[in-house]
């Protein structure tokens, strides 16, 4: 992330080198275009079941094959960008009053990308969609190959980790993960850890020494680091999880001190408000202040009030032991 320039990410979305689509945990992710099809192949069974066996779809009286049968027509219709409303109108011709729920299902598991529409972070309302270039081309990669590729990428980012950790991050089944670990026996090794759960990592991975400094950082909402492991304590103290991870799935933007969640932050009063859940030392506050100044400078010309729609979580109350507002 060093020297990150938001306009470079905007350009990557615009030329489709990076794509936004529903993938792991049935959640929107931004991934490299070359990873999209194998990741979707890995997740397809989970994505499809999450919608076609949900009561919101089954209540229509339609069968899964009804939705599947629309996939070729949908790919043709989305050869160019269309809004969700336009897709629903088109689907209405086949499914009438059930068009909304059919499209709700399809936009999750069909090979479609969210199209950048401009705005401060590339995407703005109304949501616009386009078929994946591979949707009308070669066949999708096999699911098992996709799971292997996804597992290697996961361990590269978050290893050492357990099979349960990977399951939490993806919502893949235990059997699919066990098969991938077996197939990757020459690239993945079991490593020692503090608990009883088996931990795995890449063969050539290195783990920093225990006394390696972890500089203070500001993590965004829903940061994958906070969702990558089952057992609290790797990054988030167990006592803070109910404060940071809300019941509806929202994960608040966090302060990271010495590699652990120490509080939350939000844009407020023309700057960033930093709230610590426990007392922090002078060096920690200095590091957080410097990070906040850099982040404020990045946000000022894009969206100074980023995450403003989630202010209600602060309104409900947070245990602020120390608080600071940083402005540029």
C-alpha atoms as a PDB file:
ATOM      1  CA  UNK A   1       0.000   0.000   0.000  1.00  0.00           C
ATOM      2  CA  UNK A   2       3.040   2.278   0.107  1.00  0.00           C
ATOM      3  CA  UNK A   3       2.631   5.277  -2.237  1.00  0.00           C
ATOM      4  CA  UNK A   4      -0.958   4.193  -2.941  1.00  0.00           C
ATOM      5  CA  UNK A   5      -2.731   6.586  -5.315  1.00  0.00           C
ATOM      6  CA  UNK A   6      -6.547   6.290  -5.455  1.00  0.00           C
ATOM      7  CA  UNK A   7      -6.629   7.392  -9.087  1.00  0.00           C
ATOM      8  CA  UNK A   8      -4.543   4.333 -10.005  1.00  0.00           C
ATOM      9  CA  UNK A   9      -7.231   2.111  -8.486  1.00  0.00           C
ATOM     10  CA  UNK A  10      -9.914   4.084 -10.355  1.00  0.00           C
ATOM     11  CA  UNK A  11      -8.046   3.409 -13.595  1.00  0.00           C
ATOM     12  CA  UNK A  12      -7.675  -0.298 -12.783  1.00  0.00           C
ATOM     13  CA  UNK A  13     -11.435  -0.577 -12.279  1.00  0.00           C
ATOM     14  CA  UNK A  14     -12.125   1.403 -15.453  1.00  0.00           C
ATOM     15  CA  UNK A  15      -9.952  -0.835 -17.661  1.00  0.00           C
ATOM     16  CA  UNK A  16     -11.161  -3.978 -15.843  1.00  0.00           C
ATOM     17  CA  UNK A  17      -7.776  -5.056 -14.523  1.00  0.00           C
ATOM     18  CA  UNK A  18      -9.494  -5.177 -11.127  1.00  0.00           C
ATOM     19  CA  UNK A  19     -13.144  -6.200 -10.870  1.00  0.00           C
ATOM     20  CA  UNK A  20     -15.786  -5.929  -8.177  1.00  0.00           C
ATOM     21  CA  UNK A  21     -18.132  -8.879  -7.700  1.00  0.00           C
ATOM     22  CA  UNK A  22     -19.793 -11.117  -5.106  1.00  0.00           C
ATOM     23  CA  UNK A  23     -17.366 -13.836  -4.007  1.00  0.00           C
ATOM     24  CA  UNK A  24     -16.103 -14.987  -0.606  1.00  0.00           C
ATOM     25  CA  UNK A  25     -18.636 -14.973   2.278  1.00  0.00           C
ATOM     26  CA  UNK A  26     -21.302 -14.031  -0.294  1.00  0.00           C
ATOM     27  CA  UNK A  27     -19.864 -10.513  -0.059  1.00  0.00           C
ATOM     28  CA  UNK A  28     -18.591  -7.995  -2.583  1.00  0.00           C
ATOM     29  CA  UNK A  29     -14.821  -8.127  -3.139  1.00  0.00           C
ATOM     30  CA  UNK A  30     -12.400  -6.366  -5.432  1.00  0.00           C
ATOM     31  CA  UNK A  31     -10.001  -8.854  -7.050  1.00  0.00           C
ATOM     32  CA  UNK A  32      -7.567  -9.004  -9.936  1.00  0.00           C
ATOM     33  CA  UNK A  33      -9.404  -9.815 -13.146  1.00  0.00           C
ATOM     34  CA  UNK A  34      -7.317 -12.980 -13.643  1.00  0.00           C
ATOM     35  CA  UNK A  35      -8.435 -14.258 -10.237  1.00  0.00           C
ATOM     36  CA  UNK A  36     -12.142 -13.653 -10.708  1.00  0.00           C
ATOM     37  CA  UNK A  37     -13.104 -16.767 -12.683  1.00  0.00           C
ATOM     38  CA  UNK A  38     -11.154 -19.282 -10.546  1.00  0.00           C
ATOM     39  CA  UNK A  39     -12.423 -17.634  -7.338  1.00  0.00           C
ATOM     40  CA  UNK A  40     -15.987 -17.709  -8.664  1.00  0.00           C
ATOM     41  CA  UNK A  41     -15.568 -21.356  -9.647  1.00  0.00           C
ATOM     42  CA  UNK A  42     -14.477 -22.063  -6.070  1.00  0.00           C
ATOM     43  CA  UNK A  43     -17.415 -20.179  -4.592  1.00  0.00           C
ATOM     44  CA  UNK A  44     -20.140 -21.002  -7.133  1.00  0.00           C
ATOM     45  CA  UNK A  45     -21.811 -23.833  -5.210  1.00  0.00           C
ATOM     46  CA  UNK A  46     -21.974 -21.683  -2.057  1.00  0.00           C
ATOM     47  CA  UNK A  47     -23.159 -18.576  -3.894  1.00  0.00           C
ATOM     48  CA  UNK A  48     -25.833 -20.450  -5.836  1.00  0.00           C
ATOM     49  CA  UNK A  49     -27.185 -22.308  -2.789  1.00  0.00           C
ATOM     50  CA  UNK A  50     -27.301 -19.107  -0.714  1.00  0.00           C
ATOM     51  CA  UNK A  51     -29.870 -17.681  -3.116  1.00  0.00           C
ATOM     52  CA  UNK A  52     -31.729 -20.481  -4.849  1.00  0.00           C
ATOM     53  CA  UNK A  53     -32.509 -22.292  -1.585  1.00  0.00           C
ATOM     54  CA  UNK A  54     -33.331 -19.124   0.336  1.00  0.00           C
ATOM     55  CA  UNK A  55     -37.034 -18.659   1.134  1.00  0.00           C
ATOM     56  CA  UNK A  56     -36.992 -15.299  -0.662  1.00  0.00           C
ATOM     57  CA  UNK A  57     -36.482 -17.253  -3.880  1.00  0.00           C
ATOM     58  CA  UNK A  58     -38.294 -20.482  -3.051  1.00  0.00           C
ATOM     59  CA  UNK A  59     -41.414 -18.486  -2.067  1.00  0.00           C
ATOM     60  CA  UNK A  60     -41.820 -17.567  -5.751  1.00  0.00           C
ATOM     61  CA  UNK A  61     -42.603 -21.189  -6.584  1.00  0.00           C
ATOM     62  CA  UNK A  62     -39.808 -21.202  -9.155  1.00  0.00           C
ATOM     63  CA  UNK A  63     -37.201 -23.954  -9.386  1.00  0.00           C
ATOM     64  CA  UNK A  64     -33.420 -23.403  -9.411  1.00  0.00           C
ATOM     65  CA  UNK A  65     -33.397 -24.520 -13.041  1.00  0.00           C
ATOM     66  CA  UNK A  66     -35.652 -21.585 -13.897  1.00  0.00           C
ATOM     67  CA  UNK A  67     -33.010 -19.127 -12.749  1.00  0.00           C
ATOM     68  CA  UNK A  68     -30.150 -21.144 -14.254  1.00  0.00           C
ATOM     69  CA  UNK A  69     -31.938 -21.182 -17.588  1.00  0.00           C
ATOM     70  CA  UNK A  70     -31.783 -17.401 -17.749  1.00  0.00           C
ATOM     71  CA  UNK A  71     -27.959 -17.258 -17.507  1.00  0.00           C
ATOM     72  CA  UNK A  72     -27.213 -17.287 -21.290  1.00  0.00           C
ATOM     73  CA  UNK A  73     -29.814 -14.585 -21.968  1.00  0.00           C
ATOM     74  CA  UNK A  74     -28.484 -12.521 -19.049  1.00  0.00           C
ATOM     75  CA  UNK A  75     -24.914 -12.753 -20.393  1.00  0.00           C
ATOM     76  CA  UNK A  76     -26.098 -11.437 -23.766  1.00  0.00           C
ATOM     77  CA  UNK A  77     -28.088  -8.609 -22.173  1.00  0.00           C
ATOM     78  CA  UNK A  78     -25.114  -7.568 -20.038  1.00  0.00           C
ATOM     79  CA  UNK A  79     -22.612  -7.407 -22.892  1.00  0.00           C
ATOM     80  CA  UNK A  80     -22.766  -3.680 -22.184  1.00  0.00           C
ATOM     81  CA  UNK A  81     -23.344  -2.017 -18.784  1.00  0.00           C
ATOM     82  CA  UNK A  82     -26.911  -1.981 -17.487  1.00  0.00           C
ATOM     83  CA  UNK A  83     -28.430  -0.745 -14.262  1.00  0.00           C
ATOM     84  CA  UNK A  84     -30.132  -3.172 -11.916  1.00  0.00           C
ATOM     85  CA  UNK A  85     -33.486  -1.581 -12.803  1.00  0.00           C
ATOM     86  CA  UNK A  86     -32.856  -2.235 -16.504  1.00  0.00           C
ATOM     87  CA  UNK A  87     -32.042  -5.871 -15.794  1.00  0.00           C
ATOM     88  CA  UNK A  88     -35.227  -6.289 -13.779  1.00  0.00           C
ATOM     89  CA  UNK A  89     -37.285  -4.909 -16.656  1.00  0.00           C
ATOM     90  CA  UNK A  90     -35.667  -7.417 -19.001  1.00  0.00           C
ATOM     91  CA  UNK A  91     -36.162 -10.300 -16.544  1.00  0.00           C
ATOM     92  CA  UNK A  92     -39.822  -9.318 -16.158  1.00  0.00           C
ATOM     93  CA  UNK A  93     -40.422 -10.619 -19.673  1.00  0.00           C
ATOM     94  CA  UNK A  94     -39.606 -14.118 -18.447  1.00  0.00           C
ATOM     95  CA  UNK A  95     -40.718 -14.070 -14.818  1.00  0.00           C
ATOM     96  CA  UNK A  96     -43.225 -11.239 -14.432  1.00  0.00           C
ATOM     97  CA  UNK A  97     -43.871 -10.308 -10.805  1.00  0.00           C
ATOM     98  CA  UNK A  98     -40.985 -12.507  -9.645  1.00  0.00           C
ATOM     99  CA  UNK A  99     -38.378 -10.581 -11.650  1.00  0.00           C
ATOM    100  CA  UNK A 100     -37.031  -8.733  -8.613  1.00  0.00           C
ATOM    101  CA  UNK A 101     -36.268 -11.917  -6.658  1.00  0.00           C
ATOM    102  CA  UNK A 102     -34.891 -13.739  -9.684  1.00  0.00           C
ATOM    103  CA  UNK A 103     -32.453 -10.899 -10.324  1.00  0.00           C
ATOM    104  CA  UNK A 104     -31.648 -10.779  -6.593  1.00  0.00           C
ATOM    105  CA  UNK A 105     -30.495 -14.390  -6.900  1.00  0.00           C
ATOM    106  CA  UNK A 106     -28.725 -14.054 -10.233  1.00  0.00           C
ATOM    107  CA  UNK A 107     -26.689 -10.982  -9.383  1.00  0.00           C
ATOM    108  CA  UNK A 108     -25.054 -13.014  -6.604  1.00  0.00           C
ATOM    109  CA  UNK A 109     -24.046 -16.167  -8.475  1.00  0.00           C
ATOM    110  CA  UNK A 110     -24.143 -15.243 -12.176  1.00  0.00           C
ATOM    111  CA  UNK A 111     -20.789 -14.203 -13.730  1.00  0.00           C
ATOM    112  CA  UNK A 112     -21.402 -10.444 -13.502  1.00  0.00           C
ATOM    113  CA  UNK A 113     -19.241  -7.540 -12.358  1.00  0.00           C
ATOM    114  CA  UNK A 114     -20.196  -4.233 -10.826  1.00  0.00           C
ATOM    115  CA  UNK A 115     -19.294  -1.489 -13.311  1.00  0.00           C
ATOM    116  CA  UNK A 116     -17.519   1.668 -12.077  1.00  0.00           C
ATOM    117  CA  UNK A 117     -19.769   4.691 -12.464  1.00  0.00           C
ATOM    118  CA  UNK A 118     -17.527   7.477 -11.181  1.00  0.00           C
ATOM    119  CA  UNK A 119     -17.779   9.195  -7.825  1.00  0.00           C
ATOM    120  CA  UNK A 120     -15.157   9.429  -5.093  1.00  0.00           C
ATOM    121  CA  UNK A 121     -14.404   5.699  -4.982  1.00  0.00           C
ATOM    122  CA  UNK A 122     -15.303   4.603  -8.553  1.00  0.00           C
ATOM    123  CA  UNK A 123     -18.739   3.208  -7.686  1.00  0.00           C
ATOM    124  CA  UNK A 124     -21.901   5.215  -7.101  1.00  0.00           C
ATOM    125  CA  UNK A 125     -25.650   4.630  -7.274  1.00  0.00           C
ATOM    126  CA  UNK A 126     -27.414   3.300  -9.212  1.00  0.00           C
ATOM    127  CA  UNK A 127     -25.548  -0.015  -9.232  1.00  0.00           C
ATOM    128  CA  UNK A 128     -24.520  -0.943 -12.771  1.00  0.00           C
ATOM    129  CA  UNK A 129     -23.616  -4.441 -13.986  1.00  0.00           C
ATOM    130  CA  UNK A 130     -21.799  -6.121 -16.856  1.00  0.00           C
ATOM    131  CA  UNK A 131     -21.165  -9.741 -17.769  1.00  0.00           C
ATOM    132  CA  UNK A 132     -17.736 -11.152 -17.048  1.00  0.00           C
ATOM    133  CA  UNK A 133     -15.731 -11.417 -20.314  1.00  0.00           C
ATOM    134  CA  UNK A 134     -15.370 -15.155 -19.695  1.00  0.00           C
ATOM    135  CA  UNK A 135     -19.130 -15.609 -19.320  1.00  0.00           C
ATOM    136  CA  UNK A 136     -19.582 -16.106 -23.059  1.00  0.00           C
ATOM    137  CA  UNK A 137     -16.129 -17.526 -23.718  1.00  0.00           C
ATOM    138  CA  UNK A 138     -14.282 -20.545 -22.375  1.00  0.00           C
ATOM    139  CA  UNK A 139     -15.809 -22.745 -19.685  1.00  0.00           C
ATOM    140  CA  UNK A 140     -15.291 -21.901 -16.035  1.00  0.00           C
ATOM    141  CA  UNK A 141     -12.327 -23.496 -14.304  1.00  0.00           C
ATOM    142  CA  UNK A 142     -13.201 -26.483 -12.155  1.00  0.00           C
ATOM    143  CA  UNK A 143     -14.218 -25.751  -8.583  1.00  0.00           C
ATOM    144  CA  UNK A 144     -11.413 -27.775  -6.995  1.00  0.00           C
ATOM    145  CA  UNK A 145      -8.733 -25.879  -8.941  1.00  0.00           C
ATOM    146  CA  UNK A 146     -10.356 -22.607  -7.916  1.00  0.00           C
ATOM    147  CA  UNK A 147     -10.400 -23.589  -4.240  1.00  0.00           C
ATOM    148  CA  UNK A 148      -6.699 -24.423  -4.405  1.00  0.00           C
ATOM    149  CA  UNK A 149      -5.855 -21.058  -5.966  1.00  0.00           C
ATOM    150  CA  UNK A 150      -7.988 -19.236  -3.415  1.00  0.00           C
ATOM    151  CA  UNK A 151      -6.421 -21.136  -0.507  1.00  0.00           C
ATOM    152  CA  UNK A 152      -2.893 -20.256  -1.665  1.00  0.00           C
ATOM    153  CA  UNK A 153      -3.854 -16.584  -1.943  1.00  0.00           C
ATOM    154  CA  UNK A 154      -5.473 -16.694   1.504  1.00  0.00           C
ATOM    155  CA  UNK A 155      -2.406 -18.210   3.165  1.00  0.00           C
ATOM    156  CA  UNK A 156      -0.161 -15.726   1.374  1.00  0.00           C
ATOM    157  CA  UNK A 157      -2.143 -12.947   3.034  1.00  0.00           C
ATOM    158  CA  UNK A 158      -3.211 -14.398   6.386  1.00  0.00           C
ATOM    159  CA  UNK A 159      -1.177 -17.529   7.140  1.00  0.00           C
ATOM    160  CA  UNK A 160      -0.397 -19.379   9.303  1.00  0.00           C
ATOM    161  CA  UNK A 161      -4.070 -20.325   9.557  1.00  0.00           C
ATOM    162  CA  UNK A 162      -6.323 -23.289  10.216  1.00  0.00           C
ATOM    163  CA  UNK A 163      -8.814 -24.949   7.926  1.00  0.00           C
ATOM    164  CA  UNK A 164     -11.511 -23.441  10.151  1.00  0.00           C
ATOM    165  CA  UNK A 165     -10.047 -19.989   9.562  1.00  0.00           C
ATOM    166  CA  UNK A 166     -10.242 -20.462   5.802  1.00  0.00           C
ATOM    167  CA  UNK A 167     -13.801 -21.741   6.133  1.00  0.00           C
ATOM    168  CA  UNK A 168     -14.779 -18.622   8.072  1.00  0.00           C
ATOM    169  CA  UNK A 169     -13.200 -16.348   5.479  1.00  0.00           C
ATOM    170  CA  UNK A 170     -14.875 -18.047   2.512  1.00  0.00           C
ATOM    171  CA  UNK A 171     -17.884 -20.076   3.777  1.00  0.00           C
ATOM    172  CA  UNK A 172     -16.558 -23.053   1.827  1.00  0.00           C
ATOM    173  CA  UNK A 173     -17.351 -26.560   3.076  1.00  0.00           C
ATOM    174  CA  UNK A 174     -15.025 -28.680   5.189  1.00  0.00           C
ATOM    175  CA  UNK A 175     -14.764 -31.326   2.445  1.00  0.00           C
ATOM    176  CA  UNK A 176     -13.768 -28.783  -0.219  1.00  0.00           C
ATOM    177  CA  UNK A 177     -11.048 -27.374   2.035  1.00  0.00           C
ATOM    178  CA  UNK A 178      -9.724 -30.796   3.051  1.00  0.00           C
ATOM    179  CA  UNK A 179      -9.471 -31.798  -0.605  1.00  0.00           C
ATOM    180  CA  UNK A 180      -7.583 -28.609  -1.487  1.00  0.00           C
ATOM    181  CA  UNK A 181      -5.109 -29.129   1.363  1.00  0.00           C
ATOM    182  CA  UNK A 182      -4.543 -32.696   0.212  1.00  0.00           C
ATOM    183  CA  UNK A 183      -3.960 -31.648  -3.408  1.00  0.00           C
ATOM    184  CA  UNK A 184      -1.561 -28.869  -2.331  1.00  0.00           C
ATOM    185  CA  UNK A 185       0.571 -31.117  -0.129  1.00  0.00           C
ATOM    186  CA  UNK A 186       3.780 -29.984  -1.869  1.00  0.00           C
ATOM    187  CA  UNK A 187       2.982 -26.250  -1.545  1.00  0.00           C
ATOM    188  CA  UNK A 188       1.356 -26.110   1.898  1.00  0.00           C
ATOM    189  CA  UNK A 189       2.882 -27.358   5.143  1.00  0.00           C
ATOM    190  CA  UNK A 190       1.610 -27.815   8.669  1.00  0.00           C
ATOM    191  CA  UNK A 191       3.298 -25.510  11.183  1.00  0.00           C
ATOM    192  CA  UNK A 192       3.444 -25.290  14.959  1.00  0.00           C
ATOM    193  CA  UNK A 193       1.038 -22.994  16.762  1.00  0.00           C
ATOM    194  CA  UNK A 194      -0.125 -22.070  20.269  1.00  0.00           C
ATOM    195  CA  UNK A 195      -3.423 -23.987  20.170  1.00  0.00           C
ATOM    196  CA  UNK A 196      -4.648 -27.456  19.282  1.00  0.00           C
ATOM    197  CA  UNK A 197      -6.004 -26.549  15.844  1.00  0.00           C
ATOM    198  CA  UNK A 198      -3.704 -27.548  12.982  1.00  0.00           C
ATOM    199  CA  UNK A 199      -2.137 -24.523  11.311  1.00  0.00           C
ATOM    200  CA  UNK A 200      -1.029 -24.400   7.680  1.00  0.00           C
ATOM    201  CA  UNK A 201       1.200 -22.059   5.703  1.00  0.00           C
ATOM    202  CA  UNK A 202       2.999 -21.834   2.387  1.00  0.00           C
ATOM    203  CA  UNK A 203       6.179 -23.863   2.082  1.00  0.00           C
ATOM    204  CA  UNK A 204       8.346 -20.786   1.495  1.00  0.00           C
ATOM    205  CA  UNK A 205       6.540 -18.463   3.941  1.00  0.00           C
ATOM    206  CA  UNK A 206       8.442 -16.655   6.679  1.00  0.00           C
ATOM    207  CA  UNK A 207       7.056 -15.406   9.986  1.00  0.00           C
ATOM    208  CA  UNK A 208       8.550 -12.254  11.532  1.00  0.00           C
ATOM    209  CA  UNK A 209      10.358 -12.560  14.859  1.00  0.00           C
ATOM    210  CA  UNK A 210       8.169 -11.981  17.909  1.00  0.00           C
ATOM    211  CA  UNK A 211       9.889  -8.681  18.736  1.00  0.00           C
ATOM    212  CA  UNK A 212       9.324  -7.194  15.245  1.00  0.00           C
ATOM    213  CA  UNK A 213       7.618  -3.785  15.718  1.00  0.00           C
ATOM    214  CA  UNK A 214       4.054  -3.473  14.408  1.00  0.00           C
ATOM    215  CA  UNK A 215       3.489   0.239  13.673  1.00  0.00           C
ATOM    216  CA  UNK A 216       0.120   1.835  14.526  1.00  0.00           C
ATOM    217  CA  UNK A 217      -2.362   1.633  11.661  1.00  0.00           C
ATOM    218  CA  UNK A 218      -5.912   2.694  10.767  1.00  0.00           C
ATOM    219  CA  UNK A 219      -7.891  -0.165   9.219  1.00  0.00           C
ATOM    220  CA  UNK A 220     -10.979   0.501   7.061  1.00  0.00           C
ATOM    221  CA  UNK A 221     -14.449  -0.910   7.655  1.00  0.00           C
ATOM    222  CA  UNK A 222     -14.802  -4.624   6.894  1.00  0.00           C
ATOM    223  CA  UNK A 223     -11.038  -5.073   6.617  1.00  0.00           C
ATOM    224  CA  UNK A 224     -10.317  -8.683   5.708  1.00  0.00           C
ATOM    225  CA  UNK A 225      -7.624  -8.926   8.384  1.00  0.00           C
ATOM    226  CA  UNK A 226     -10.349  -8.721  11.021  1.00  0.00           C
ATOM    227  CA  UNK A 227     -12.408 -11.458   9.350  1.00  0.00           C
ATOM    228  CA  UNK A 228      -9.663 -13.913   8.438  1.00  0.00           C
ATOM    229  CA  UNK A 229      -9.417 -16.009  11.615  1.00  0.00           C
ATOM    230  CA  UNK A 230     -11.858 -17.847  13.868  1.00  0.00           C
ATOM    231  CA  UNK A 231     -10.180 -17.454  17.254  1.00  0.00           C
ATOM    232  CA  UNK A 232     -10.126 -13.933  18.724  1.00  0.00           C
ATOM    233  CA  UNK A 233      -6.736 -12.652  19.780  1.00  0.00           C
ATOM    234  CA  UNK A 234      -4.795 -12.947  16.550  1.00  0.00           C
ATOM    235  CA  UNK A 235      -5.598  -9.324  15.798  1.00  0.00           C
ATOM    236  CA  UNK A 236      -8.723  -8.511  17.806  1.00  0.00           C
ATOM    237  CA  UNK A 237      -8.897  -8.987  21.603  1.00  0.00           C
ATOM    238  CA  UNK A 238     -11.943 -11.086  22.466  1.00  0.00           C
ATOM    239  CA  UNK A 239     -13.390  -8.372  24.720  1.00  0.00           C
ATOM    240  CA  UNK A 240     -13.426  -5.893  21.824  1.00  0.00           C
ATOM    241  CA  UNK A 241     -15.085  -8.110  19.222  1.00  0.00           C
ATOM    242  CA  UNK A 242     -18.679  -7.215  20.277  1.00  0.00           C
ATOM    243  CA  UNK A 243     -17.751  -3.529  20.034  1.00  0.00           C
ATOM    244  CA  UNK A 244     -16.155  -3.743  16.611  1.00  0.00           C
ATOM    245  CA  UNK A 245     -18.131  -6.516  14.877  1.00  0.00           C
ATOM    246  CA  UNK A 246     -21.819  -5.627  14.985  1.00  0.00           C
ATOM    247  CA  UNK A 247     -24.662  -8.152  14.883  1.00  0.00           C
ATOM    248  CA  UNK A 248     -25.652  -7.253  11.326  1.00  0.00           C
ATOM    249  CA  UNK A 249     -22.117  -7.948  10.094  1.00  0.00           C
ATOM    250  CA  UNK A 250     -20.756  -4.406  10.019  1.00  0.00           C
ATOM    251  CA  UNK A 251     -17.097  -4.262  11.051  1.00  0.00           C
ATOM    252  CA  UNK A 252     -16.123  -0.794  12.215  1.00  0.00           C
ATOM    253  CA  UNK A 253     -12.913   0.972  11.097  1.00  0.00           C
ATOM    254  CA  UNK A 254     -10.277   0.126  13.708  1.00  0.00           C
ATOM    255  CA  UNK A 255      -7.165   1.470  15.336  1.00  0.00           C
ATOM    256  CA  UNK A 256      -4.366  -1.099  15.304  1.00  0.00           C
ATOM    257  CA  UNK A 257      -1.677  -0.712  17.992  1.00  0.00           C
ATOM    258  CA  UNK A 258       1.122  -3.258  18.358  1.00  0.00           C
ATOM    259  CA  UNK A 259      -0.748  -5.511  15.950  1.00  0.00           C
ATOM    260  CA  UNK A 260      -3.952  -5.549  18.012  1.00  0.00           C
ATOM    261  CA  UNK A 261      -7.273  -3.703  17.736  1.00  0.00           C
ATOM    262  CA  UNK A 262      -7.200  -0.906  20.310  1.00  0.00           C
ATOM    263  CA  UNK A 263     -10.196   1.205  19.288  1.00  0.00           C
ATOM    264  CA  UNK A 264     -12.099   2.672  16.347  1.00  0.00           C
ATOM    265  CA  UNK A 265     -11.996   5.770  14.154  1.00  0.00           C
ATOM    266  CA  UNK A 266     -14.391   7.791  12.027  1.00  0.00           C
ATOM    267  CA  UNK A 267     -14.455  10.977   9.978  1.00  0.00           C
ATOM    268  CA  UNK A 268     -15.836  13.829  12.098  1.00  0.00           C
ATOM    269  CA  UNK A 269     -15.514  17.591  12.549  1.00  0.00           C
ATOM    270  CA  UNK A 270     -13.359  18.111   9.489  1.00  0.00           C
ATOM    271  CA  UNK A 271     -10.865  15.449  10.503  1.00  0.00           C
ATOM    272  CA  UNK A 272     -10.614  11.960  11.963  1.00  0.00           C
ATOM    273  CA  UNK A 273     -11.878  11.107  15.436  1.00  0.00           C
ATOM    274  CA  UNK A 274      -9.815   8.363  17.095  1.00  0.00           C
ATOM    275  CA  UNK A 275     -11.382   6.470  20.017  1.00  0.00           C
ATOM    276  CA  UNK A 276      -9.236   4.143  22.129  1.00  0.00           C
ATOM    277  CA  UNK A 277     -10.785   1.404  24.285  1.00  0.00           C
ATOM    278  CA  UNK A 278      -7.839   1.498  26.691  1.00  0.00           C
ATOM    279  CA  UNK A 279      -5.044   3.918  27.560  1.00  0.00           C
ATOM    280  CA  UNK A 280      -2.357   4.196  24.912  1.00  0.00           C
ATOM    281  CA  UNK A 281       1.189   5.406  25.319  1.00  0.00           C
ATOM    282  CA  UNK A 282       2.653   8.584  23.832  1.00  0.00           C
ATOM    283  CA  UNK A 283       4.430   6.702  21.032  1.00  0.00           C
ATOM    284  CA  UNK A 284       1.210   4.945  20.000  1.00  0.00           C
ATOM    285  CA  UNK A 285      -0.724   8.210  19.843  1.00  0.00           C
ATOM    286  CA  UNK A 286       2.067   9.804  17.848  1.00  0.00           C
ATOM    287  CA  UNK A 287       1.974   6.986  15.305  1.00  0.00           C
ATOM    288  CA  UNK A 288      -1.814   7.057  15.077  1.00  0.00           C
ATOM    289  CA  UNK A 289      -1.784  10.835  14.642  1.00  0.00           C
ATOM    290  CA  UNK A 290       0.662  10.600  11.746  1.00  0.00           C
ATOM    291  CA  UNK A 291      -1.458   7.898  10.103  1.00  0.00           C
ATOM    292  CA  UNK A 292      -4.613   9.971  10.608  1.00  0.00           C
ATOM    293  CA  UNK A 293      -2.994  13.023   9.024  1.00  0.00           C
ATOM    294  CA  UNK A 294      -1.993  11.006   5.963  1.00  0.00           C
ATOM    295  CA  UNK A 295      -5.456   9.460   5.681  1.00  0.00           C
ATOM    296  CA  UNK A 296      -7.179  12.839   6.068  1.00  0.00           C
ATOM    297  CA  UNK A 297      -5.042  14.246   3.269  1.00  0.00           C
ATOM    298  CA  UNK A 298      -6.036  11.320   1.031  1.00  0.00           C
ATOM    299  CA  UNK A 299      -9.746  11.710   1.817  1.00  0.00           C
ATOM    300  CA  UNK A 300     -10.029  15.471   1.517  1.00  0.00           C
ATOM    301  CA  UNK A 301     -10.515  15.550  -2.261  1.00  0.00           C
ATOM    302  CA  UNK A 302     -12.500  12.305  -2.467  1.00  0.00           C
ATOM    303  CA  UNK A 303     -14.880  11.818   0.450  1.00  0.00           C
ATOM    304  CA  UNK A 304     -13.944  13.646   3.678  1.00  0.00           C
ATOM    305  CA  UNK A 305     -16.956  12.127   5.486  1.00  0.00           C
ATOM    306  CA  UNK A 306     -16.277   8.513   4.499  1.00  0.00           C
ATOM    307  CA  UNK A 307     -18.482   5.987   6.421  1.00  0.00           C
ATOM    308  CA  UNK A 308     -20.823   8.791   7.558  1.00  0.00           C
ATOM    309  CA  UNK A 309     -23.859   6.532   7.034  1.00  0.00           C
ATOM    310  CA  UNK A 310     -22.575   4.279   9.832  1.00  0.00           C
ATOM    311  CA  UNK A 311     -22.434   7.015  12.480  1.00  0.00           C
ATOM    312  CA  UNK A 312     -25.341   5.386  14.320  1.00  0.00           C
ATOM    313  CA  UNK A 313     -22.946   2.841  15.798  1.00  0.00           C
ATOM    314  CA  UNK A 314     -21.154   5.670  17.595  1.00  0.00           C
ATOM    315  CA  UNK A 315     -24.490   7.216  18.600  1.00  0.00           C
ATOM    316  CA  UNK A 316     -25.346   3.965  20.389  1.00  0.00           C
ATOM    317  CA  UNK A 317     -22.263   4.441  22.560  1.00  0.00           C
ATOM    318  CA  UNK A 318     -18.702   3.142  22.620  1.00  0.00           C
ATOM    319  CA  UNK A 319     -16.412   2.786  25.674  1.00  0.00           C
ATOM    320  CA  UNK A 320     -14.070   5.708  25.020  1.00  0.00           C
ATOM    321  CA  UNK A 321     -11.154   5.633  27.459  1.00  0.00           C
ATOM    322  CA  UNK A 322      -9.185   8.136  25.348  1.00  0.00           C
ATOM    323  CA  UNK A 323     -10.263  10.174  22.332  1.00  0.00           C
ATOM    324  CA  UNK A 324      -8.548  12.517  19.904  1.00  0.00           C
ATOM    325  CA  UNK A 325      -9.580  14.389  16.754  1.00  0.00           C
ATOM    326  CA  UNK A 326      -6.879  14.869  14.141  1.00  0.00           C
ATOM    327  CA  UNK A 327      -7.211  17.520  11.423  1.00  0.00           C
ATOM    328  CA  UNK A 328      -5.003  18.513   8.505  1.00  0.00           C
END
